[in-house]
Amino acid sequence: AFGGGRLHLERHATRSHHRSGHVRAAAPAGRSQLRSRLVGVGSCAPSLVVSNADLEAIVDTSDEWISKRTGIRRRHLLGPGESLTGLAVTSVRNALENAGIGAEEVELVIMATSSPDDLFGDAACIAREVGAVNAVAFDLTAACSGFLFGVNTASQFLHNGAYKTAVVIGADALSRWVDWGDRNTCVLFGDGAGAVVMRAAESDAECGVLGFEMHSNGAGRCDLNLEYSGTEKDLASIAQVTTGAYSPIAMNGKEVYKFATSMVPQVLTEAMESAEVTADQIDWLLLHQANIRIMETVAKKLGIPMEKVISNLDEYGNTSAGSIPLALDAAVREGKVKPGDLIAVAGFGAGLSWGSAVIRWG
């Protein structure tokens, strides 16, 4: 629950917890053993890097203050003339190459983002740029949970046979929306994109998404938001409207921390129960890259050692929907994550939203 009695997030008791002496209830229909597989990954980040020391010239902060509280040391930022779409296109191309799949085979493209170049959506443009001419494409907005929600959404289409090949992208450029005079938020965010290629599993192949769970609670919107803030405009004497604009990111860090360290272990437990696996069977824990303290607390509550936690937070900061695929790509290319590995994944953030999945890689 959040402090001050403002928000109470009830424990979801859709099934009993797997404890000695307790009988595990069946997973809700459609939330386990999905016939979809993650078979390729790619990512891209801007070349402009800003270190914690660089930020000392902008706000009253220090490398020690930032790194100790967050685990972040650097972040990559989009510059003038660069686009989020460009990062996404490169990440998709890298993922398709990694998977050994041609763009023309892709039938579904989901772009998870809260900061598109085009408010009408970037997915269709990305699909065209990469050559996915046979794909339907759409954007999905769920902030830092977006990529995980996108994977779970694509899995439904692959599982039910509607499509055979999908691409899910997580990408954000929140540097566009931070208050660079607020040391509590500007130090957290970076820009980046990542993508995965997903295929429908053959009838004789193992399922790739063993279990998942997703939640949201709009009562927490006040603690993390990027709100519309248009200016009034008169249409002669006919009417008054607003000209579009948004306020910078607003965040109550203490409440978000309480939310994440409470809800994320719970939703991961729910996904593992759906998957019928236990924490000691998990090879890797992959969380949204928000704060190293959140990662440490979640891992401790689940009994998973930090050696199994995938993280590149120190290099990229919080890239919102881009953070999970960015970290996954690095882990795969470094040879840490291998085909057949079980990965417990969780996204969490604005909405408030939170979700998880247990994935068998490759």
Protein backbone atom coordinates (compact mmCIF):
# COMPACT_ATOMS: atom_id res chain seq x y z
CA ALA A 1 0.00 0.00 0.00
CA PHE A 2 1.06 3.60 -0.52
CA GLY A 3 1.70 5.76 2.51
CA GLY A 4 -0.72 8.32 3.95
CA GLY A 5 -3.73 6.12 3.23
CA ARG A 6 -4.04 7.68 -0.23
CA LEU A 7 -3.75 4.47 -2.17
CA HIS A 8 -4.32 0.93 -1.10
CA LEU A 9 -3.28 -1.75 -3.58
CA GLU A 10 -5.05 -4.87 -2.52
CA ARG A 11 -3.24 -8.14 -2.73
CA HIS A 12 -4.59 -10.05 -5.70
CA ALA A 13 -5.66 -13.45 -4.43
CA THR A 14 -6.65 -15.14 -7.68
CA ARG A 15 -4.83 -18.24 -6.61
CA SER A 16 -3.14 -19.52 -3.50
CA HIS A 17 0.56 -18.99 -2.92
CA HIS A 18 2.87 -21.94 -3.31
CA ARG A 19 3.80 -22.69 0.25
CA SER A 20 4.29 -25.93 2.09
CA GLY A 21 0.91 -27.40 2.91
CA HIS A 22 -0.99 -25.21 0.45
CA VAL A 23 -2.53 -26.57 -2.71
CA ARG A 24 -1.73 -24.49 -5.77
CA ALA A 25 -4.88 -23.45 -7.61
CA ALA A 26 -5.01 -23.70 -11.37
CA ALA A 27 -3.70 -20.68 -13.24
CA PRO A 28 -6.40 -18.45 -14.76
CA ALA A 29 -7.25 -19.52 -18.31
CA GLY A 30 -5.03 -17.99 -20.96
CA ARG A 31 -2.27 -16.86 -18.60
CA SER A 32 0.04 -19.86 -18.84
CA GLN A 33 1.80 -22.01 -21.42
CA LEU A 34 1.40 -19.59 -24.30
CA ARG A 35 2.64 -20.92 -27.61
CA SER A 36 4.89 -17.97 -28.39
CA ARG A 37 8.67 -17.81 -28.34
CA LEU A 38 11.15 -14.96 -28.12
CA VAL A 39 13.75 -15.77 -30.78
CA GLY A 40 15.69 -12.55 -31.39
CA VAL A 41 16.61 -9.29 -29.69
CA GLY A 42 18.21 -5.99 -30.65
CA SER A 43 18.64 -2.52 -29.23
CA CYS A 44 19.90 0.97 -29.93
CA ALA A 45 20.79 4.01 -27.83
CA PRO A 46 21.89 7.53 -28.76
CA SER A 47 25.61 8.23 -29.04
CA LEU A 48 25.42 11.28 -26.78
CA VAL A 49 26.38 10.23 -23.25
CA VAL A 50 25.92 12.42 -20.16
CA SER A 51 27.65 11.31 -16.97
CA ASN A 52 26.70 12.07 -13.40
CA ALA A 53 29.69 14.42 -13.22
CA ASP A 54 28.37 16.27 -16.26
CA LEU A 55 25.09 16.91 -14.44
CA GLU A 56 26.96 18.73 -11.68
CA ALA A 57 27.09 21.71 -14.05
CA ILE A 58 23.29 21.70 -14.37
CA VAL A 59 21.88 20.96 -10.92
CA ASP A 60 23.13 20.68 -7.35
CA THR A 61 24.18 17.02 -7.39
CA SER A 62 27.21 14.73 -7.53
CA ASP A 63 28.22 11.39 -8.95
CA GLU A 64 28.29 9.92 -5.43
CA TRP A 65 24.80 11.25 -4.59
CA ILE A 66 23.25 9.85 -7.78
CA SER A 67 25.03 6.51 -7.96
CA LYS A 68 24.52 5.71 -4.28
CA ARG A 69 20.78 6.37 -4.41
CA THR A 70 19.99 4.99 -7.86
CA GLY A 71 22.85 2.92 -9.28
CA ILE A 72 22.97 5.20 -12.33
CA ARG A 73 26.27 6.60 -13.59
CA ARG A 74 25.54 7.58 -17.20
CA ARG A 75 22.62 8.04 -19.55
CA HIS A 76 22.28 8.32 -23.35
CA LEU A 77 20.28 11.25 -24.71
CA LEU A 78 18.77 12.08 -28.09
CA GLY A 79 20.16 15.26 -29.61
CA PRO A 80 18.72 17.73 -32.13
CA GLY A 81 17.85 16.05 -35.41
CA GLU A 82 17.67 12.59 -33.84
CA SER A 83 14.42 10.67 -33.41
CA LEU A 84 12.96 7.92 -31.28
CA THR A 85 11.73 6.30 -34.48
CA GLY A 86 15.32 6.06 -35.67
CA LEU A 87 16.37 4.24 -32.51
CA ALA A 88 13.41 1.88 -32.84
CA VAL A 89 14.13 1.11 -36.50
CA THR A 90 17.74 0.20 -35.73
CA SER A 91 16.72 -1.98 -32.78
CA VAL A 92 14.21 -3.88 -34.94
CA ARG A 93 16.76 -4.44 -37.69
CA ASN A 94 19.23 -5.75 -35.12
CA ALA A 95 16.59 -8.04 -33.63
CA LEU A 96 15.59 -9.44 -37.03
CA GLU A 97 19.25 -10.11 -37.84
CA ASN A 98 19.72 -11.79 -34.46
CA ALA A 99 16.69 -13.99 -35.14
CA GLY A 100 17.62 -14.74 -38.74
CA ILE A 101 14.17 -13.68 -39.90
CA GLY A 102 13.25 -11.46 -42.84
CA ALA A 103 11.16 -8.35 -42.30
CA GLU A 104 8.60 -9.55 -44.82
CA GLU A 105 7.74 -12.45 -42.49
CA VAL A 106 6.60 -10.09 -39.72
CA GLU A 107 2.81 -9.88 -39.39
CA LEU A 108 2.46 -7.80 -36.23
CA VAL A 109 4.45 -4.83 -34.89
CA ILE A 110 3.73 -3.39 -31.44
CA MET A 111 5.53 -0.19 -30.40
CA ALA A 112 5.44 0.33 -26.62
CA THR A 113 6.17 3.98 -25.88
CA SER A 114 4.93 6.97 -23.91
CA SER A 115 7.02 9.49 -25.87
CA PRO A 116 6.42 8.91 -29.59
CA ASP A 117 7.69 11.19 -32.31
CA ASP A 118 4.13 11.27 -33.64
CA LEU A 119 1.21 11.36 -31.19
CA PHE A 120 -0.83 9.44 -33.76
CA GLY A 121 1.64 6.55 -33.40
CA ASP A 122 5.11 5.50 -34.58
CA ALA A 123 4.56 1.77 -35.17
CA ALA A 124 3.30 1.94 -38.74
CA CYS A 125 6.21 4.18 -39.78
CA ILE A 126 8.70 1.81 -38.13
CA ALA A 127 7.17 -1.21 -39.85
CA ARG A 128 7.49 0.52 -43.20
CA GLU A 129 11.09 1.59 -42.58
CA VAL A 130 12.25 -1.93 -41.70
CA GLY A 131 10.40 -3.53 -44.62
CA ALA A 132 7.64 -5.24 -42.63
CA VAL A 133 5.20 -4.57 -45.45
CA ASN A 134 2.86 -7.41 -44.46
CA ALA A 135 2.45 -6.34 -40.83
CA VAL A 136 -0.30 -4.56 -38.98
CA ALA A 137 1.29 -2.09 -36.57
CA PHE A 138 0.09 -0.12 -33.57
CA ASP A 139 1.39 1.72 -30.52
CA LEU A 140 0.79 0.65 -26.91
CA THR A 141 1.11 3.07 -24.00
CA ALA A 142 1.79 1.69 -20.53
CA ALA A 143 4.88 3.69 -19.54
CA CYS A 144 7.61 1.57 -17.97
CA SER A 145 5.39 -1.53 -18.09
CA GLY A 146 4.82 -1.04 -21.82
CA PHE A 147 7.33 -3.51 -23.24
CA LEU A 148 6.24 -6.32 -20.92
CA PHE A 149 2.58 -5.58 -21.67
CA GLY A 150 3.47 -5.61 -25.38
CA VAL A 151 5.10 -9.04 -25.13
CA ASN A 152 2.06 -10.41 -23.31
CA THR A 153 -0.25 -8.88 -25.91
CA ALA A 154 1.71 -10.25 -28.87
CA SER A 155 1.77 -13.66 -27.20
CA GLN A 156 -2.02 -13.82 -27.34
CA PHE A 157 -2.06 -13.30 -31.12
CA LEU A 158 0.68 -15.88 -31.63
CA HIS A 159 -0.87 -18.39 -29.25
CA ASN A 160 -4.32 -18.26 -30.88
CA GLY A 161 -2.91 -18.61 -34.38
CA ALA A 162 -3.82 -15.16 -35.71
CA TYR A 163 -0.18 -14.44 -36.57
CA LYS A 164 3.05 -16.43 -36.80
CA THR A 165 5.68 -13.70 -36.41
CA ALA A 166 5.62 -10.52 -34.35
CA VAL A 167 7.98 -7.74 -33.32
CA VAL A 168 7.59 -5.95 -30.00
CA ILE A 169 9.49 -2.71 -29.45
CA GLY A 170 10.05 -0.80 -26.24
CA ALA A 171 11.32 2.74 -26.78
CA ASP A 172 11.21 6.05 -24.98
CA ALA A 173 12.83 9.48 -25.06
CA LEU A 174 11.89 10.86 -21.67
CA SER A 175 14.77 13.35 -21.77
CA ARG A 176 12.30 15.43 -23.79
CA TRP A 177 9.95 15.59 -20.84
CA VAL A 178 12.08 16.04 -17.74
CA ASP A 179 12.58 19.27 -15.83
CA TRP A 180 16.34 19.75 -16.13
CA GLY A 181 16.24 21.98 -13.07
CA ASP A 182 14.82 19.26 -10.83
CA ARG A 183 17.69 17.17 -9.49
CA ASN A 184 15.34 14.50 -8.17
CA THR A 185 14.05 13.53 -11.62
CA CYS A 186 16.46 14.77 -14.29
CA VAL A 187 19.22 12.45 -13.08
CA LEU A 188 17.08 9.35 -13.56
CA PHE A 189 16.10 9.21 -17.20
CA GLY A 190 17.81 8.32 -20.46
CA ASP A 191 16.70 7.51 -23.99
CA GLY A 192 16.85 4.17 -25.77
CA ALA A 193 15.06 1.43 -27.66
CA GLY A 194 15.01 -2.34 -27.80
CA ALA A 195 13.02 -4.94 -29.70
CA VAL A 196 12.32 -8.65 -29.69
CA VAL A 197 11.19 -10.95 -32.48
CA MET A 198 8.53 -13.45 -31.47
CA ARG A 199 7.33 -16.57 -33.28
CA ALA A 200 4.37 -18.86 -32.74
CA ALA A 201 5.65 -22.12 -31.27
CA GLU A 202 5.17 -25.26 -33.33
CA SER A 203 2.90 -27.92 -31.88
CA ASP A 204 5.87 -30.10 -30.89
CA ALA A 205 7.95 -27.20 -29.47
CA GLU A 206 8.11 -25.91 -25.91
CA CYS A 207 6.08 -22.85 -25.00
CA GLY A 208 8.06 -19.64 -24.65
CA VAL A 209 5.81 -17.68 -22.29
CA LEU A 210 5.17 -20.01 -19.39
CA GLY A 211 3.03 -17.64 -17.34
CA PHE A 212 2.16 -13.96 -16.98
CA GLU A 213 0.18 -11.49 -14.91
CA MET A 214 -0.69 -7.79 -15.33
CA HIS A 215 -2.30 -5.17 -13.08
CA SER A 216 -3.07 -1.46 -12.96
CA ASN A 217 -4.48 1.03 -10.48
CA GLY A 218 -5.25 4.57 -11.60
CA ALA A 219 -5.42 5.82 -8.00
CA GLY A 220 -1.63 6.12 -8.16
CA ARG A 221 -1.61 8.49 -11.11
CA CYS A 222 -0.84 11.42 -8.81
CA ASP A 223 2.50 9.86 -7.85
CA LEU A 224 3.92 9.49 -11.36
CA ASN A 225 2.62 11.37 -14.37
CA LEU A 226 3.32 13.46 -17.43
CA GLU A 227 0.17 15.53 -17.65
CA TYR A 228 -1.40 17.57 -20.41
CA SER A 229 -0.92 21.29 -19.79
CA GLY A 230 -2.34 23.18 -22.75
CA THR A 231 -2.64 26.95 -22.97
CA GLU A 232 -5.99 28.61 -23.50
CA LYS A 233 -6.82 29.91 -26.96
CA ASP A 234 -9.84 31.92 -28.06
CA LEU A 235 -11.53 31.02 -31.33
CA ALA A 236 -12.78 34.56 -31.98
CA SER A 237 -16.02 34.81 -29.97
CA ILE A 238 -17.11 31.28 -30.86
CA ALA A 239 -15.36 29.13 -28.28
CA GLN A 240 -12.29 28.65 -26.13
CA VAL A 241 -9.96 25.69 -26.63
CA THR A 242 -6.39 24.82 -25.66
CA THR A 243 -3.15 24.63 -27.60
CA GLY A 244 -1.34 21.36 -26.88
CA ALA A 245 1.54 21.09 -24.40
CA TYR A 246 2.61 18.80 -21.58
CA SER A 247 4.11 19.47 -18.16
CA PRO A 248 7.44 17.84 -17.22
CA ILE A 249 7.49 14.45 -15.52
CA ALA A 250 6.24 14.65 -11.94
CA MET A 251 7.14 11.88 -9.53
CA ASN A 252 6.77 11.16 -5.82
CA GLY A 253 9.87 9.01 -5.48
CA LYS A 254 9.11 7.65 -2.01
CA GLU A 255 5.64 6.47 -2.95
CA VAL A 256 6.82 4.93 -6.22
CA TYR A 257 9.53 3.07 -4.34
CA LYS A 258 6.98 1.70 -1.85
CA PHE A 259 4.73 0.65 -4.72
CA ALA A 260 7.50 -1.10 -6.66
CA THR A 261 9.02 -2.98 -3.74
CA SER A 262 5.58 -4.19 -2.65
CA MET A 263 3.82 -5.01 -5.91
CA VAL A 264 6.69 -6.31 -8.07
CA PRO A 265 7.61 -9.30 -5.87
CA GLN A 266 3.91 -10.15 -5.68
CA VAL A 267 3.27 -10.03 -9.42
CA LEU A 268 6.41 -12.05 -10.12
CA THR A 269 5.17 -14.67 -7.68
CA GLU A 270 1.84 -14.74 -9.50
CA ALA A 271 3.54 -15.26 -12.87
CA MET A 272 5.75 -18.02 -11.46
CA GLU A 273 2.68 -19.75 -10.04
CA SER A 274 1.01 -19.59 -13.45
CA ALA A 275 4.18 -21.01 -14.97
CA GLU A 276 4.39 -23.67 -12.25
CA VAL A 277 7.98 -22.84 -11.45
CA THR A 278 9.66 -21.68 -8.25
CA ALA A 279 12.21 -18.92 -7.72
CA ASP A 280 15.10 -21.37 -7.48
CA GLN A 281 14.30 -22.59 -11.01
CA ILE A 282 14.68 -19.09 -12.46
CA ASP A 283 17.96 -18.54 -14.31
CA TRP A 284 17.68 -14.76 -14.60
CA LEU A 285 15.65 -11.95 -13.05
CA LEU A 286 15.07 -9.06 -15.46
CA LEU A 287 13.35 -6.00 -14.02
CA HIS A 288 12.53 -2.60 -15.43
CA GLN A 289 15.74 -0.65 -14.87
CA ALA A 290 14.51 2.06 -12.51
CA ASN A 291 16.64 1.94 -9.38
CA ILE A 292 19.25 -0.50 -8.07
CA ARG A 293 17.67 -0.43 -4.60
CA ILE A 294 14.37 -1.63 -6.05
CA MET A 295 16.17 -4.47 -7.83
CA GLU A 296 18.00 -5.49 -4.66
CA THR A 297 14.84 -5.45 -2.57
CA VAL A 298 12.79 -7.42 -5.11
CA ALA A 299 15.53 -10.03 -5.54
CA LYS A 300 15.89 -10.41 -1.78
CA LYS A 301 12.15 -10.88 -1.27
CA LEU A 302 12.08 -13.58 -3.94
CA GLY A 303 15.23 -15.27 -2.65
CA ILE A 304 17.07 -14.73 -5.95
CA PRO A 305 20.78 -13.83 -5.66
CA MET A 306 21.97 -10.58 -7.26
CA GLU A 307 24.28 -12.64 -9.50
CA LYS A 308 21.13 -13.66 -11.38
CA VAL A 309 19.83 -10.10 -11.79
CA ILE A 310 20.34 -8.62 -15.27
CA SER A 311 21.19 -4.93 -15.11
CA ASN A 312 22.65 -2.17 -17.26
CA LEU A 313 21.15 0.63 -15.19
CA ASP A 314 24.57 2.18 -14.55
CA GLU A 315 25.06 2.85 -18.28
CA TYR A 316 21.58 3.83 -19.51
CA GLY A 317 19.56 4.99 -16.51
CA ASN A 318 15.78 4.62 -16.67
CA THR A 319 14.76 4.34 -20.34
CA SER A 320 11.13 3.50 -19.48
CA ALA A 321 9.72 1.01 -22.02
CA GLY A 322 13.17 0.62 -23.54
CA SER A 323 14.88 -0.62 -20.40
CA ILE A 324 13.96 -4.32 -20.41
CA PRO A 325 14.87 -5.06 -24.06
CA LEU A 326 18.05 -2.95 -23.80
CA ALA A 327 19.21 -5.03 -20.84
CA LEU A 328 18.10 -8.30 -22.42
CA ASP A 329 19.97 -7.56 -25.64
CA ALA A 330 23.22 -6.94 -23.79
CA ALA A 331 22.81 -10.12 -21.72
CA VAL A 332 22.16 -12.24 -24.81
CA ARG A 333 25.02 -10.80 -26.82
CA GLU A 334 27.43 -11.16 -23.88
CA GLY A 335 26.54 -14.85 -23.67
CA LYS A 336 24.91 -14.64 -20.24
CA VAL A 337 21.41 -15.56 -21.38
CA LYS A 338 21.41 -18.78 -23.39
CA PRO A 339 18.69 -20.66 -25.29
CA GLY A 340 16.43 -22.48 -22.85
CA ASP A 341 17.13 -20.16 -19.92
CA LEU A 342 14.15 -19.20 -17.78
CA ILE A 343 13.82 -15.45 -17.26
CA ALA A 344 11.42 -13.85 -14.79
CA VAL A 345 10.60 -10.41 -16.22
CA ALA A 346 8.72 -7.54 -14.58
CA GLY A 347 7.76 -4.05 -15.68
CA PHE A 348 6.29 -1.40 -13.42
CA GLY A 349 5.62 2.30 -13.52
CA ALA A 350 3.17 5.05 -14.32
CA GLY A 351 -0.50 4.32 -14.46
CA LEU A 352 0.18 2.88 -12.01
CA SER A 353 0.84 -0.34 -13.87
CA TRP A 354 2.78 -3.49 -13.15
CA GLY A 355 3.14 -6.89 -14.76
CA SER A 356 5.39 -9.89 -15.20
CA ALA A 357 6.09 -12.94 -17.30
CA VAL A 358 8.17 -16.07 -17.05
CA ILE A 359 9.90 -16.54 -20.40
CA ARG A 360 11.95 -19.35 -21.84
CA TRP A 361 14.53 -17.67 -24.06
CA GLY A 362 15.04 -18.82 -27.65
